[in-house]
Amino acid sequence: MPSLECAVQTLYSKHYGWLRSRLDNAVDTADLTEDGILWLVLSPKRQNPCLR
């Protein structure tokens, strides 16, 4: 099983790549990607189906 750090890095990389293909600004892409990752990591289990 991959480590949590590896899983988060992979998720960040894939999400960033997907979002970057839709936005023209790399800074906005990074900000939105970080916001999304933090939301997933910090959201309670009941709101995050991956943690159920």
PDB file of N, CA and C in Angstrom:
ATOM      1  N   MET A   1       0.849  -1.179   0.000  1.00  0.00           N
ATOM      2  CA  MET A   1       0.000   0.000   0.000  1.00  0.00           C
ATOM      3  C   MET A   1       0.895   1.242   0.000  1.00  0.00           C
ATOM      4  N   PRO A   2       0.606   2.201  -0.888  1.00  0.00           N
ATOM      5  CA  PRO A   2       1.444   3.405  -0.927  1.00  0.00           C
ATOM      6  C   PRO A   2       1.249   4.254   0.328  1.00  0.00           C
ATOM      7  N   SER A   3       2.264   5.012   0.661  1.00  0.00           N
ATOM      8  CA  SER A   3       2.180   5.882   1.820  1.00  0.00           C
ATOM      9  C   SER A   3       1.184   7.006   1.552  1.00  0.00           C
ATOM     10  N   LEU A   4       0.727   7.622   2.622  1.00  0.00           N
ATOM     11  CA  LEU A   4      -0.201   8.745   2.485  1.00  0.00           C
ATOM     12  C   LEU A   4       0.461   9.875   1.701  1.00  0.00           C
ATOM     13  N   GLU A   5       1.734  10.120   1.976  1.00  0.00           N
ATOM     14  CA  GLU A   5       2.454  11.186   1.265  1.00  0.00           C
ATOM     15  C   GLU A   5       2.480  10.912  -0.235  1.00  0.00           C
ATOM     16  N   CYS A   6       2.764   9.683  -0.598  1.00  0.00           N
ATOM     17  CA  CYS A   6       2.799   9.306  -2.014  1.00  0.00           C
ATOM     18  C   CYS A   6       1.412   9.450  -2.643  1.00  0.00           C
ATOM     19  N   ALA A   7       0.384   9.039  -1.921  1.00  0.00           N
ATOM     20  CA  ALA A   7      -0.983   9.137  -2.436  1.00  0.00           C
ATOM     21  C   ALA A   7      -1.381  10.594  -2.659  1.00  0.00           C
ATOM     22  N   VAL A   8      -1.023  11.465  -1.718  1.00  0.00           N
ATOM     23  CA  VAL A   8      -1.363  12.885  -1.852  1.00  0.00           C
ATOM     24  C   VAL A   8      -0.583  13.509  -3.007  1.00  0.00           C
ATOM     25  N   GLN A   9       0.675  13.158  -3.152  1.00  0.00           N
ATOM     26  CA  GLN A   9       1.478  13.674  -4.265  1.00  0.00           C
ATOM     27  C   GLN A   9       0.893  13.253  -5.606  1.00  0.00           C
ATOM     28  N   THR A  10       0.478  12.011  -5.701  1.00  0.00           N
ATOM     29  CA  THR A  10      -0.115  11.513  -6.937  1.00  0.00           C
ATOM     30  C   THR A  10      -1.427  12.229  -7.234  1.00  0.00           C
ATOM     31  N   LEU A  11      -2.260  12.374  -6.211  1.00  0.00           N
ATOM     32  CA  LEU A  11      -3.533  13.072  -6.376  1.00  0.00           C
ATOM     33  C   LEU A  11      -3.303  14.519  -6.805  1.00  0.00           C
ATOM     34  N   TYR A  12      -2.355  15.187  -6.153  1.00  0.00           N
ATOM     35  CA  TYR A  12      -2.043  16.574  -6.499  1.00  0.00           C
ATOM     36  C   TYR A  12      -1.594  16.674  -7.954  1.00  0.00           C
ATOM     37  N   SER A  13      -0.674  15.803  -8.340  1.00  0.00           N
ATOM     38  CA  SER A  13      -0.123  15.838  -9.687  1.00  0.00           C
ATOM     39  C   SER A  13      -1.202  15.621 -10.746  1.00  0.00           C
ATOM     40  N   LYS A  14      -2.051  14.639 -10.533  1.00  0.00           N
ATOM     41  CA  LYS A  14      -3.113  14.344 -11.501  1.00  0.00           C
ATOM     42  C   LYS A  14      -4.143  15.466 -11.561  1.00  0.00           C
ATOM     43  N   HIS A  15      -4.520  15.985 -10.396  1.00  0.00           N
ATOM     44  CA  HIS A  15      -5.506  17.060 -10.353  1.00  0.00           C
ATOM     45  C   HIS A  15      -4.943  18.332 -10.985  1.00  0.00           C
ATOM     46  N   TYR A  16      -3.687  18.635 -10.664  1.00  0.00           N
ATOM     47  CA  TYR A  16      -3.040  19.815 -11.247  1.00  0.00           C
ATOM     48  C   TYR A  16      -3.002  19.707 -12.770  1.00  0.00           C
ATOM     49  N   GLY A  17      -2.596  18.556 -13.282  1.00  0.00           N
ATOM     50  CA  GLY A  17      -2.519  18.367 -14.729  1.00  0.00           C
ATOM     51  C   GLY A  17      -3.868  18.528 -15.404  1.00  0.00           C
ATOM     52  N   TRP A  18      -4.903  17.970 -14.783  1.00  0.00           N
ATOM     53  CA  TRP A  18      -6.257  18.076 -15.346  1.00  0.00           C
ATOM     54  C   TRP A  18      -6.720  19.524 -15.331  1.00  0.00           C
ATOM     55  N   LEU A  19      -6.515  20.195 -14.197  1.00  0.00           N
ATOM     56  CA  LEU A  19      -6.972  21.573 -14.064  1.00  0.00           C
ATOM     57  C   LEU A  19      -6.146  22.520 -14.943  1.00  0.00           C
ATOM     58  N   ARG A  20      -4.853  22.261 -15.057  1.00  0.00           N
ATOM     59  CA  ARG A  20      -3.977  23.115 -15.860  1.00  0.00           C
ATOM     60  C   ARG A  20      -4.380  23.091 -17.328  1.00  0.00           C
ATOM     61  N   SER A  21      -4.895  21.979 -17.777  1.00  0.00           N
ATOM     62  CA  SER A  21      -5.325  21.894 -19.182  1.00  0.00           C
ATOM     63  C   SER A  21      -6.573  22.738 -19.440  1.00  0.00           C
ATOM     64  N   ARG A  22      -7.219  23.196 -18.380  1.00  0.00           N
ATOM     65  CA  ARG A  22      -8.438  23.983 -18.522  1.00  0.00           C
ATOM     66  C   ARG A  22      -8.267  25.455 -18.153  1.00  0.00           C
ATOM     67  N   LEU A  23      -7.158  25.792 -17.482  1.00  0.00           N
ATOM     68  CA  LEU A  23      -6.909  27.177 -17.084  1.00  0.00           C
ATOM     69  C   LEU A  23      -5.659  27.702 -17.772  1.00  0.00           C
ATOM     70  N   ASP A  24      -5.620  29.001 -17.998  1.00  0.00           N
ATOM     71  CA  ASP A  24      -4.466  29.617 -18.650  1.00  0.00           C
ATOM     72  C   ASP A  24      -3.388  30.055 -17.667  1.00  0.00           C
ATOM     73  N   ASN A  25      -3.705  30.082 -16.379  1.00  0.00           N
ATOM     74  CA  ASN A  25      -2.799  30.649 -15.394  1.00  0.00           C
ATOM     75  C   ASN A  25      -2.279  29.567 -14.448  1.00  0.00           C
ATOM     76  N   ALA A  26      -0.974  29.352 -14.436  1.00  0.00           N
ATOM     77  CA  ALA A  26      -0.382  28.309 -13.592  1.00  0.00           C
ATOM     78  C   ALA A  26      -0.546  28.612 -12.101  1.00  0.00           C
ATOM     79  N   VAL A  27      -0.513  29.889 -11.736  1.00  0.00           N
ATOM     80  CA  VAL A  27      -0.653  30.263 -10.320  1.00  0.00           C
ATOM     81  C   VAL A  27      -2.064  29.948  -9.829  1.00  0.00           C
ATOM     82  N   ASP A  28      -3.071  30.293 -10.620  1.00  0.00           N
ATOM     83  CA  ASP A  28      -4.450  29.968 -10.252  1.00  0.00           C
ATOM     84  C   ASP A  28      -4.648  28.456 -10.178  1.00  0.00           C
ATOM     85  N   THR A  29      -4.051  27.746 -11.102  1.00  0.00           N
ATOM     86  CA  THR A  29      -4.148  26.292 -11.105  1.00  0.00           C
ATOM     87  C   THR A  29      -3.569  25.711  -9.817  1.00  0.00           C
ATOM     88  N   ALA A  30      -2.400  26.178  -9.426  1.00  0.00           N
ATOM     89  CA  ALA A  30      -1.768  25.687  -8.202  1.00  0.00           C
ATOM     90  C   ALA A  30      -2.621  26.014  -6.985  1.00  0.00           C
ATOM     91  N   ASP A  31      -3.160  27.234  -6.918  1.00  0.00           N
ATOM     92  CA  ASP A  31      -3.999  27.627  -5.785  1.00  0.00           C
ATOM     93  C   ASP A  31      -5.253  26.759  -5.685  1.00  0.00           C
ATOM     94  N   LEU A  32      -5.917  26.560  -6.806  1.00  0.00           N
ATOM     95  CA  LEU A  32      -7.142  25.757  -6.797  1.00  0.00           C
ATOM     96  C   LEU A  32      -6.848  24.294  -6.472  1.00  0.00           C
ATOM     97  N   THR A  33      -5.733  23.792  -6.979  1.00  0.00           N
ATOM     98  CA  THR A  33      -5.346  22.415  -6.692  1.00  0.00           C
ATOM     99  C   THR A  33      -5.077  22.242  -5.203  1.00  0.00           C
ATOM    100  N   GLU A  34      -4.329  23.174  -4.614  1.00  0.00           N
ATOM    101  CA  GLU A  34      -4.031  23.101  -3.184  1.00  0.00           C
ATOM    102  C   GLU A  34      -5.307  23.198  -2.353  1.00  0.00           C
ATOM    103  N   ASP A  35      -6.215  24.092  -2.732  1.00  0.00           N
ATOM    104  CA  ASP A  35      -7.488  24.213  -2.024  1.00  0.00           C
ATOM    105  C   ASP A  35      -8.260  22.897  -2.058  1.00  0.00           C
ATOM    106  N   GLY A  36      -8.288  22.264  -3.221  1.00  0.00           N
ATOM    107  CA  GLY A  36      -9.002  20.994  -3.351  1.00  0.00           C
ATOM    108  C   GLY A  36      -8.383  19.886  -2.520  1.00  0.00           C
ATOM    109  N   ILE A  37      -7.063  19.798  -2.525  1.00  0.00           N
ATOM    110  CA  ILE A  37      -6.368  18.769  -1.741  1.00  0.00           C
ATOM    111  C   ILE A  37      -6.595  19.003  -0.255  1.00  0.00           C
ATOM    112  N   LEU A  38      -6.473  20.255   0.191  1.00  0.00           N
ATOM    113  CA  LEU A  38      -6.706  20.554   1.607  1.00  0.00           C
ATOM    114  C   LEU A  38      -8.134  20.228   2.009  1.00  0.00           C
ATOM    115  N   TRP A  39      -9.086  20.534   1.135  1.00  0.00           N
ATOM    116  CA  TRP A  39     -10.481  20.218   1.455  1.00  0.00           C
ATOM    117  C   TRP A  39     -10.654  18.716   1.660  1.00  0.00           C
ATOM    118  N   LEU A  40     -10.046  17.931   0.770  1.00  0.00           N
ATOM    119  CA  LEU A  40     -10.153  16.474   0.898  1.00  0.00           C
ATOM    120  C   LEU A  40      -9.494  15.959   2.174  1.00  0.00           C
ATOM    121  N   VAL A  41      -8.317  16.468   2.458  1.00  0.00           N
ATOM    122  CA  VAL A  41      -7.563  15.983   3.614  1.00  0.00           C
ATOM    123  C   VAL A  41      -8.217  16.409   4.925  1.00  0.00           C
ATOM    124  N   LEU A  42      -8.749  17.618   4.971  1.00  0.00           N
ATOM    125  CA  LEU A  42      -9.281  18.154   6.224  1.00  0.00           C
ATOM    126  C   LEU A  42     -10.773  17.914   6.433  1.00  0.00           C
ATOM    127  N   SER A  43     -11.483  17.464   5.411  1.00  0.00           N
ATOM    128  CA  SER A  43     -12.923  17.252   5.567  1.00  0.00           C
ATOM    129  C   SER A  43     -13.186  16.033   6.450  1.00  0.00           C
ATOM    130  N   PRO A  44     -14.254  16.112   7.247  1.00  0.00           N
ATOM    131  CA  PRO A  44     -14.603  14.971   8.106  1.00  0.00           C
ATOM    132  C   PRO A  44     -14.902  13.722   7.282  1.00  0.00           C
ATOM    133  N   LYS A  45     -14.743  12.567   7.903  1.00  0.00           N
ATOM    134  CA  LYS A  45     -14.977  11.296   7.209  1.00  0.00           C
ATOM    135  C   LYS A  45     -16.368  11.225   6.598  1.00  0.00           C
ATOM    136  N   ARG A  46     -17.334  11.760   7.264  1.00  0.00           N
ATOM    137  CA  ARG A  46     -18.710  11.656   6.753  1.00  0.00           C
ATOM    138  C   ARG A  46     -18.892  12.402   5.427  1.00  0.00           C
ATOM    139  N   GLN A  47     -18.011  13.361   5.143  1.00  0.00           N
ATOM    140  CA  GLN A  47     -18.106  14.109   3.890  1.00  0.00           C
ATOM    141  C   GLN A  47     -17.141  13.592   2.844  1.00  0.00           C
ATOM    142  N   ASN A  48     -16.246  12.704   3.225  1.00  0.00           N
ATOM    143  CA  ASN A  48     -15.231  12.218   2.301  1.00  0.00           C
ATOM    144  C   ASN A  48     -15.424  10.716   2.080  1.00  0.00           C
ATOM    145  N   PRO A  49     -16.059  10.324   0.980  1.00  0.00           N
ATOM    146  CA  PRO A  49     -16.351   8.909   0.746  1.00  0.00           C
ATOM    147  C   PRO A  49     -15.094   8.037   0.654  1.00  0.00           C
ATOM    148  N   CYS A  50     -13.947   8.633   0.354  1.00  0.00           N
ATOM    149  CA  CYS A  50     -12.713   7.843   0.264  1.00  0.00           C
ATOM    150  C   CYS A  50     -12.262   7.337   1.626  1.00  0.00           C
ATOM    151  N   LEU A  51     -12.708   7.979   2.693  1.00  0.00           N
ATOM    152  CA  LEU A  51     -12.276   7.619   4.034  1.00  0.00           C
ATOM    153  C   LEU A  51     -13.294   6.778   4.779  1.00  0.00           C
ATOM    154  N   ARG A  52     -14.386   6.423   4.137  1.00  0.00           N
ATOM    155  CA  ARG A  52     -15.418   5.617   4.817  1.00  0.00           C
ATOM    156  C   ARG A  52     -15.003   4.188   4.900  1.00  0.00           C
TER     157      ARG A  52
END
